[in-house]
Protein backbone atom coordinates (compact mmCIF):
# COMPACT_ATOMS: atom_id res chain seq x y z
CA UNK A 1 140.35 -0.32 219.09
CA UNK A 2 136.78 -0.48 217.73
CA UNK A 3 136.39 0.50 214.10
CA UNK A 4 134.71 3.78 213.31
CA UNK A 5 132.05 4.68 210.76
CA UNK A 6 130.99 8.22 209.93
CA UNK A 7 127.54 8.78 208.37
CA UNK A 8 126.40 11.99 206.67
CA UNK A 9 122.68 12.72 206.35
CA UNK A 10 121.08 15.91 205.07
CA UNK A 11 117.33 15.58 205.60
CA UNK A 12 114.52 13.80 207.46
CA UNK A 13 113.94 10.73 205.30
CA UNK A 14 117.68 10.10 205.15
CA UNK A 15 117.79 10.34 208.94
CA UNK A 16 115.09 7.65 209.19
CA UNK A 17 116.84 5.37 206.68
CA UNK A 18 120.19 5.85 208.41
CA UNK A 19 118.63 5.05 211.78
CA UNK A 20 117.67 1.60 210.51
CA UNK A 21 121.20 1.13 209.21
CA UNK A 22 122.70 2.15 212.56
CA UNK A 23 120.55 -0.45 214.33
CA UNK A 24 121.60 -3.15 211.85
CA UNK A 25 125.29 -2.24 212.21
CA UNK A 26 125.05 -2.37 216.00
CA UNK A 27 123.34 -5.74 215.74
CA UNK A 28 126.15 -7.13 213.60
CA UNK A 29 128.89 -5.60 215.75
CA UNK A 30 128.00 -3.75 218.97
CA UNK A 31 131.60 -2.48 219.26
CA UNK A 32 131.47 -0.30 216.12
CA UNK A 33 131.69 3.42 216.89
CA UNK A 34 129.20 5.33 214.73
CA UNK A 35 129.59 9.10 214.43
CA UNK A 36 127.35 11.18 212.22
CA UNK A 37 125.82 14.41 211.15
CA UNK A 38 122.06 13.97 211.01
CA UNK A 39 119.00 14.07 213.21
CA UNK A 40 117.06 12.60 216.12
CA UNK A 41 116.23 9.23 214.57
CA UNK A 42 119.92 8.39 214.17
CA UNK A 43 120.67 9.61 217.68
CA UNK A 44 117.94 7.38 219.12
CA UNK A 45 119.39 4.43 217.19
CA UNK A 46 122.80 4.87 218.82
CA UNK A 47 124.82 7.20 216.58
CA UNK A 48 126.79 10.09 218.09
CA UNK A 49 125.46 13.19 216.31
CA UNK A 50 128.06 15.92 215.87
CA UNK A 51 125.77 18.35 214.04
CA UNK A 52 122.02 18.52 213.42
CA UNK A 53 121.50 18.70 209.63
CA UNK A 54 117.85 17.75 209.08
CA UNK A 55 115.95 20.82 210.27
CA UNK A 56 117.28 23.13 207.56
CA UNK A 57 116.95 20.63 204.72
CA UNK A 58 115.93 22.18 201.39
CA UNK A 59 115.27 21.11 197.83
CA UNK A 60 116.21 22.43 194.40
CA UNK A 61 116.90 26.15 194.26
CA UNK A 62 116.34 26.66 197.99
CA UNK A 63 119.31 24.37 198.67
CA UNK A 64 121.63 27.26 197.73
CA UNK A 65 120.83 28.71 201.15
CA UNK A 66 122.63 25.75 202.76
CA UNK A 67 125.93 26.33 200.99
CA UNK A 68 127.56 28.21 203.89
CA UNK A 69 126.42 25.55 206.37
CA UNK A 70 127.80 22.75 204.19
CA UNK A 71 131.13 24.52 203.68
CA UNK A 72 131.57 24.94 207.42
CA UNK A 73 130.75 21.29 207.91
CA UNK A 74 133.27 20.33 205.22
CA UNK A 75 136.01 22.12 207.11
CA UNK A 76 135.12 20.33 210.34
CA UNK A 77 135.13 16.94 208.64
CA UNK A 78 138.44 17.64 206.90
CA UNK A 79 140.00 18.31 210.29
CA UNK A 80 138.35 15.22 211.74
CA UNK A 81 139.54 12.99 208.90
CA UNK A 82 143.09 14.35 209.16
CA UNK A 83 143.42 13.24 212.78
CA UNK A 84 144.32 9.58 213.52
CA UNK A 85 142.15 9.78 216.67
CA UNK A 86 138.96 10.69 214.81
CA UNK A 87 139.52 9.48 211.22
CA UNK A 88 136.85 6.87 210.36
CA UNK A 89 137.46 3.51 208.74
CA UNK A 90 134.41 3.95 206.50
CA UNK A 91 132.29 6.87 205.38
CA UNK A 92 128.60 6.28 204.55
CA UNK A 93 126.59 8.88 202.63
CA UNK A 94 122.80 8.52 202.86
CA UNK A 95 120.63 10.05 200.10
CA UNK A 96 120.74 13.82 199.28
CA UNK A 97 123.30 13.90 196.46
CA UNK A 98 123.56 17.70 196.46
CA UNK A 99 124.61 17.46 200.09
CA UNK A 100 126.51 14.18 200.10
CA UNK A 101 128.62 14.05 196.95
CA UNK A 102 130.82 16.75 198.46
CA UNK A 103 131.44 14.55 201.49
CA UNK A 104 132.13 11.51 199.33
CA UNK A 105 134.84 13.53 197.59
CA UNK A 106 136.22 14.67 200.95
CA UNK A 107 136.37 11.08 202.23
CA UNK A 108 138.05 9.89 199.03
CA UNK A 109 140.69 12.60 199.32
CA UNK A 110 141.37 11.46 202.89
CA UNK A 111 141.73 7.84 201.78
CA UNK A 112 138.55 6.74 203.55
CA UNK A 113 136.42 4.10 201.72
CA UNK A 114 132.95 5.39 200.86
CA UNK A 115 129.60 3.60 200.72
CA UNK A 116 126.63 5.53 199.29
CA UNK A 117 123.19 4.38 200.46
CA UNK A 118 120.08 5.40 198.48
CA UNK A 119 121.54 5.98 195.04
CA UNK A 120 121.25 9.51 193.62
CA UNK A 121 118.49 9.59 191.00
CA UNK A 122 120.86 10.55 188.21
CA UNK A 123 118.75 8.56 185.74
CA UNK A 124 116.15 11.32 186.21
CA UNK A 125 118.34 14.44 186.28
CA UNK A 126 121.92 15.68 186.58
CA UNK A 127 123.36 12.64 184.82
CA UNK A 128 126.69 14.45 184.62
CA UNK A 129 127.16 13.75 188.33
CA UNK A 130 127.87 10.12 187.45
CA UNK A 131 131.51 11.16 187.06
CA UNK A 132 131.59 12.24 190.72
CA UNK A 133 129.95 9.00 191.82
CA UNK A 134 132.35 6.88 189.78
CA UNK A 135 135.38 8.80 191.10
CA UNK A 136 134.46 9.05 194.78
CA UNK A 137 132.09 6.21 195.70
CA UNK A 138 133.47 2.71 196.25
CA UNK A 139 130.12 0.92 196.69
CA UNK A 140 126.61 2.10 195.86
CA UNK A 141 123.52 0.65 197.56
CA UNK A 142 120.44 1.07 195.31
CA UNK A 143 116.85 0.99 196.57
CA UNK A 144 115.11 0.36 193.23
CA UNK A 145 115.85 -2.78 191.16
CA UNK A 146 116.49 -1.00 187.83
CA UNK A 147 119.17 1.23 189.38
CA UNK A 148 121.69 -1.60 189.82
CA UNK A 149 122.03 -2.07 186.07
CA UNK A 150 121.83 1.64 185.28
CA UNK A 151 124.78 2.47 187.53
CA UNK A 152 126.63 -0.76 186.74
CA UNK A 153 126.54 0.05 183.03
CA UNK A 154 128.25 3.35 183.90
CA UNK A 155 131.12 1.82 185.84
CA UNK A 156 129.82 2.03 189.40
CA UNK A 157 129.90 -0.96 191.78
CA UNK A 158 126.16 -0.97 192.51
CA UNK A 159 123.98 -3.42 194.43
CA UNK A 160 120.20 -3.48 194.83
CA UNK A 161 119.57 -3.81 198.58
CA UNK A 162 115.81 -3.24 198.83
CA UNK A 163 113.84 -0.17 199.86
CA UNK A 164 114.42 0.96 203.48
CA UNK A 165 110.84 2.21 203.72
CA UNK A 166 109.71 -1.40 204.07
CA UNK A 167 112.00 -1.88 207.06
CA UNK A 168 110.31 1.08 208.73
CA UNK A 169 106.64 0.34 207.98
CA UNK A 170 104.41 -1.27 210.63
CA UNK A 171 104.22 -5.03 210.18
CA UNK A 172 100.42 -4.80 210.34
CA UNK A 173 100.19 -1.91 207.91
CA UNK A 174 97.45 -3.26 205.61
CA UNK A 175 95.29 -4.13 208.61
CA UNK A 176 95.21 -0.38 209.33
CA UNK A 177 93.29 0.31 206.12
CA UNK A 178 89.53 0.33 206.85
CA UNK A 179 87.44 -2.32 205.11
CA UNK A 180 84.56 0.11 204.62
CA UNK A 181 85.26 2.74 201.97
CA UNK A 182 83.82 6.06 200.87
CA UNK A 183 80.97 6.73 200.06
CA UNK A 184 79.75 4.19 202.64
CA UNK A 185 81.74 6.20 205.20
CA UNK A 186 82.60 9.93 205.49
CA UNK A 187 85.27 11.21 203.13
CA UNK A 188 88.82 11.44 204.51
CA UNK A 189 91.55 13.13 202.47
CA UNK A 190 95.27 13.03 203.28
CA UNK A 191 97.54 16.00 202.57
CA UNK A 192 101.32 15.52 202.42
CA UNK A 193 102.91 18.89 201.68
CA UNK A 194 106.50 17.80 202.27
CA UNK A 195 109.02 17.07 204.99
CA UNK A 196 111.29 20.09 204.46
CA UNK A 197 110.47 23.70 205.31
CA UNK A 198 111.07 24.87 201.75
CA UNK A 199 108.78 22.19 200.29
CA UNK A 200 105.97 23.03 202.69
CA UNK A 201 106.25 26.77 202.06
CA UNK A 202 105.84 26.13 198.33
CA UNK A 203 103.21 23.37 198.38
CA UNK A 204 101.00 24.06 201.38
CA UNK A 205 99.32 27.40 200.43
CA UNK A 206 97.96 26.15 197.07
CA UNK A 207 97.10 22.78 198.64
CA UNK A 208 94.87 24.65 201.09
CA UNK A 209 92.99 26.02 198.08
CA UNK A 210 92.59 22.49 196.73
CA UNK A 211 91.28 21.39 200.13
CA UNK A 212 88.76 24.23 200.06
CA UNK A 213 87.54 23.18 196.60
CA UNK A 214 87.08 19.58 197.74
CA UNK A 215 85.25 20.75 200.87
CA UNK A 216 82.91 22.85 198.76
CA UNK A 217 81.74 19.64 197.08
CA UNK A 218 82.04 17.39 200.15
CA UNK A 219 81.32 19.62 203.18
CA UNK A 220 81.74 16.70 205.62
CA UNK A 221 85.25 15.89 204.38
CA UNK A 222 88.03 15.52 206.96
CA UNK A 223 91.63 16.36 206.07
CA UNK A 224 94.53 14.54 207.75
CA UNK A 225 98.00 16.12 207.64
CA UNK A 226 100.92 14.00 208.88
CA UNK A 227 103.98 16.21 209.39
CA UNK A 228 107.65 16.17 210.25
CA UNK A 229 108.91 18.59 212.95
CA UNK A 230 110.10 21.02 210.27
CA UNK A 231 106.82 20.79 208.34
CA UNK A 232 104.75 21.24 211.50
CA UNK A 233 106.50 24.55 212.25
CA UNK A 234 105.40 25.92 208.87
CA UNK A 235 101.86 24.54 208.94
CA UNK A 236 101.32 25.96 212.45
CA UNK A 237 102.22 29.50 211.35
CA UNK A 238 99.38 31.95 212.20
CA UNK A 239 98.99 33.09 208.58
CA UNK A 240 97.44 29.73 207.68
CA UNK A 241 94.87 29.74 210.49
CA UNK A 242 92.29 31.83 208.61
CA UNK A 243 92.68 29.79 205.41
CA UNK A 244 92.00 26.58 207.32
CA UNK A 245 88.89 27.92 209.06
CA UNK A 246 85.80 26.04 208.03
CA UNK A 247 87.79 22.89 207.19
CA UNK A 248 87.93 19.86 209.46
CA UNK A 249 91.68 19.34 209.77
CA UNK A 250 93.87 17.12 211.93
CA UNK A 251 97.60 17.90 211.98
CA UNK A 252 99.87 15.37 213.70
CA UNK A 253 103.61 15.09 213.81
CA UNK A 254 105.31 11.77 212.93
CA UNK A 255 101.93 10.12 212.32
CA UNK A 256 102.12 9.13 208.65
CA UNK A 257 101.47 5.45 209.35
CA UNK A 258 98.50 6.26 211.58
CA UNK A 259 96.79 8.86 209.38
CA UNK A 260 97.41 7.87 205.75
CA UNK A 261 95.83 4.38 205.94
CA UNK A 262 92.55 6.03 206.96
CA UNK A 263 92.39 8.13 203.78
CA UNK A 264 90.40 7.64 200.60
CA UNK A 265 92.72 9.85 198.57
CA UNK A 266 95.99 11.70 199.27
CA UNK A 267 97.18 15.00 197.86
CA UNK A 268 100.86 14.12 197.89
CA UNK A 269 104.02 16.02 197.04
CA UNK A 270 106.42 14.14 194.78
CA UNK A 271 109.18 12.05 196.36
CA UNK A 272 109.54 9.02 198.61
CA UNK A 273 106.17 9.85 200.14
CA UNK A 274 104.45 8.59 196.96
CA UNK A 275 105.94 5.13 197.55
CA UNK A 276 104.93 5.38 201.22
CA UNK A 277 101.32 6.16 200.29
CA UNK A 278 101.32 3.41 197.66
CA UNK A 279 102.45 0.90 200.29
CA UNK A 280 98.96 1.26 201.80
CA UNK A 281 97.24 1.10 198.41
CA UNK A 282 95.82 4.60 198.85
CA UNK A 283 95.00 6.51 195.63
CA UNK A 284 96.77 9.84 195.22
CA UNK A 285 97.23 12.97 193.16
CA UNK A 286 100.89 13.98 193.05
CA UNK A 287 102.09 17.60 192.94
CA UNK A 288 105.28 19.59 193.26
CA UNK A 289 105.09 23.36 193.30
CA UNK A 290 107.74 25.24 191.34
CA UNK A 291 107.49 28.60 189.64
CA UNK A 292 107.04 28.61 185.86
CA UNK A 293 110.03 30.96 185.51
CA UNK A 294 112.41 28.68 187.39
CA UNK A 295 111.14 25.62 185.53
CA UNK A 296 111.68 27.24 182.14
CA UNK A 297 115.08 28.60 183.16
CA UNK A 298 116.52 25.41 184.64
CA UNK A 299 114.14 22.65 185.70
CA UNK A 300 113.03 21.47 182.27
CA UNK A 301 116.65 21.19 181.16
CA UNK A 302 117.68 19.14 184.20
CA UNK A 303 114.81 16.63 184.35
CA UNK A 304 115.30 13.84 181.80
CA UNK A 305 112.39 11.51 182.60
CA UNK A 306 108.95 12.11 181.05
CA UNK A 307 107.38 11.34 184.45
CA UNK A 308 108.57 12.48 187.86
CA UNK A 309 106.29 10.82 190.44
CA UNK A 310 108.13 7.67 191.52
CA UNK A 311 105.02 5.49 191.39
CA UNK A 312 104.54 6.49 187.75
CA UNK A 313 108.21 5.86 186.94
CA UNK A 314 107.96 2.39 188.47
CA UNK A 315 104.74 1.75 186.52
CA UNK A 316 106.58 2.10 183.20
CA UNK A 317 104.45 3.02 180.22
CA UNK A 318 101.28 3.90 182.12
CA UNK A 319 100.37 6.85 184.34
CA UNK A 320 99.16 5.11 187.45
CA UNK A 321 98.27 8.33 189.28
CA UNK A 322 97.75 11.92 188.09
CA UNK A 323 100.85 14.08 188.53
CA UNK A 324 101.13 17.85 188.31
CA UNK A 325 104.87 18.45 188.13
CA UNK A 326 105.86 21.20 187.71
CA UNK A 327 102.83 22.72 189.42
CA UNK A 328 102.44 26.49 189.19
CA UNK A 329 100.07 26.51 192.15
CA UNK A 330 96.79 26.77 190.24
CA UNK A 331 94.39 24.74 192.43
CA UNK A 332 91.81 24.08 189.70
CA UNK A 333 93.42 21.21 187.74
CA UNK A 334 94.51 19.42 190.91
CA UNK A 335 91.11 19.81 192.56
CA UNK A 336 89.33 18.76 189.36
CA UNK A 337 91.48 15.63 189.14
CA UNK A 338 90.87 14.73 192.80
CA UNK A 339 87.12 15.29 192.48
CA UNK A 340 86.93 13.19 189.30
CA UNK A 341 88.64 10.26 191.08
CA UNK A 342 86.37 10.60 194.12
CA UNK A 343 83.32 10.55 191.87
CA UNK A 344 84.29 7.13 190.50
CA UNK A 345 84.29 4.25 193.01
CA UNK A 346 85.52 1.92 190.27
CA UNK A 347 88.52 4.15 189.56
CA UNK A 348 89.34 4.33 193.26
CA UNK A 349 89.20 0.54 193.56
CA UNK A 350 91.33 0.02 190.43
CA UNK A 351 93.93 2.50 191.65
CA UNK A 352 94.14 0.78 195.07
CA UNK A 353 94.77 -2.60 193.46
CA UNK A 354 97.26 -1.23 190.93
CA UNK A 355 99.29 0.51 193.62
CA UNK A 356 99.51 -2.60 195.78
CA UNK A 357 100.51 -4.66 192.73
CA UNK A 358 103.17 -2.07 191.89
CA UNK A 359 104.66 -2.18 195.38
CA UNK A 360 104.73 -5.97 195.64
CA UNK A 361 108.29 -6.44 194.23
CA UNK A 362 109.62 -3.97 196.84
CA UNK A 363 107.51 -5.27 199.70
CA UNK A 364 110.05 -7.06 201.83
CA UNK A 365 112.25 -6.16 204.75
CA UNK A 366 116.02 -6.37 204.88
CA UNK A 367 117.44 -3.23 203.21
CA UNK A 368 119.10 -1.99 206.39
CA UNK A 369 120.61 -5.41 207.10
CA UNK A 370 121.83 -5.73 203.51
CA UNK A 371 123.58 -2.36 203.63
CA UNK A 372 125.07 -3.16 207.03
CA UNK A 373 126.58 -6.34 205.60
CA UNK A 374 128.13 -4.37 202.74
CA UNK A 375 129.57 -1.93 205.29
CA UNK A 376 131.06 -4.74 207.37
CA UNK A 377 132.53 -6.25 204.21
CA UNK A 378 134.13 -2.89 203.37
CA UNK A 379 135.64 -2.81 206.83
CA UNK A 380 137.35 -6.06 205.90
CA UNK A 381 135.56 -8.14 208.49
CA UNK A 382 132.92 -10.07 206.55
């Protein structure tokens, strides 16, 4: 009988990363049966999706709304793992620790080996979860070089595999960046409000105000908004139509790699998207909207790093890009920062070079293949 792998994914970027892994696994062994909970990217890659889990993805305090969904899914997986006909030989969690650590525990209880791909960022917050990782995860695949040592020092079998983003980027990505820059050409601004509904609901309304401020200084500015299906649903809501009137806006689904290279500057929510923007060497201002009350009550106690934007964390002791995290939604400081960068061609050029230099150590393909080889090894067939 072919061996079985079950993959659990909780949001859009995890679905994309897992899709690359599915392709690599099928390449190594076309007979492997891959079942999953996830989204359309994994399905297109050849996984059998038993439940869609990416459309309702949420972050931070909004994730509480998913508890009932996750509990129902837990019960289904328990039943599946208890049956010899459907019990997998390996469980792979991809990203989303709030979603996936529960399933790692479930797999461990069922005696199923567990591989975790895209290490939880416990070095930034919720370090106490390291006990769950150590107890329930057999192998951990890290996407940033420093994570291998961080987790290894805490008793976890961790391996740096590379960043899956660079498996997914177009091979000609830098050729997509125009040679002629602003102000020799009209100003183009990117806006990345998030991939999840909850992120977009929080970030998009104040980002519209920032867009309006920029347009008041640069009336010919064009704004490009790449979206996920979930994000597009929010951005297309009628209540935003009036606010966007008077702005030149293009909204396109699944078009990040077409739209972002054209931009001079990106207003970018914190997360993997900052690394994605940096891969094109595009300057950015990073934001993440959260209420002051919630930040004071919980957020500031959970976050342990002095910086939150990943490009700034990777940069070490310098702030490579401005970050407004937590952001209370006041458009003025974000707009002022964006306008100050746009007013300085030298600063724009320096930021482009610094971002490309920062990305260079990560800029190679192979993460999906590396994780697939670990999975095959765990199946006992290396």
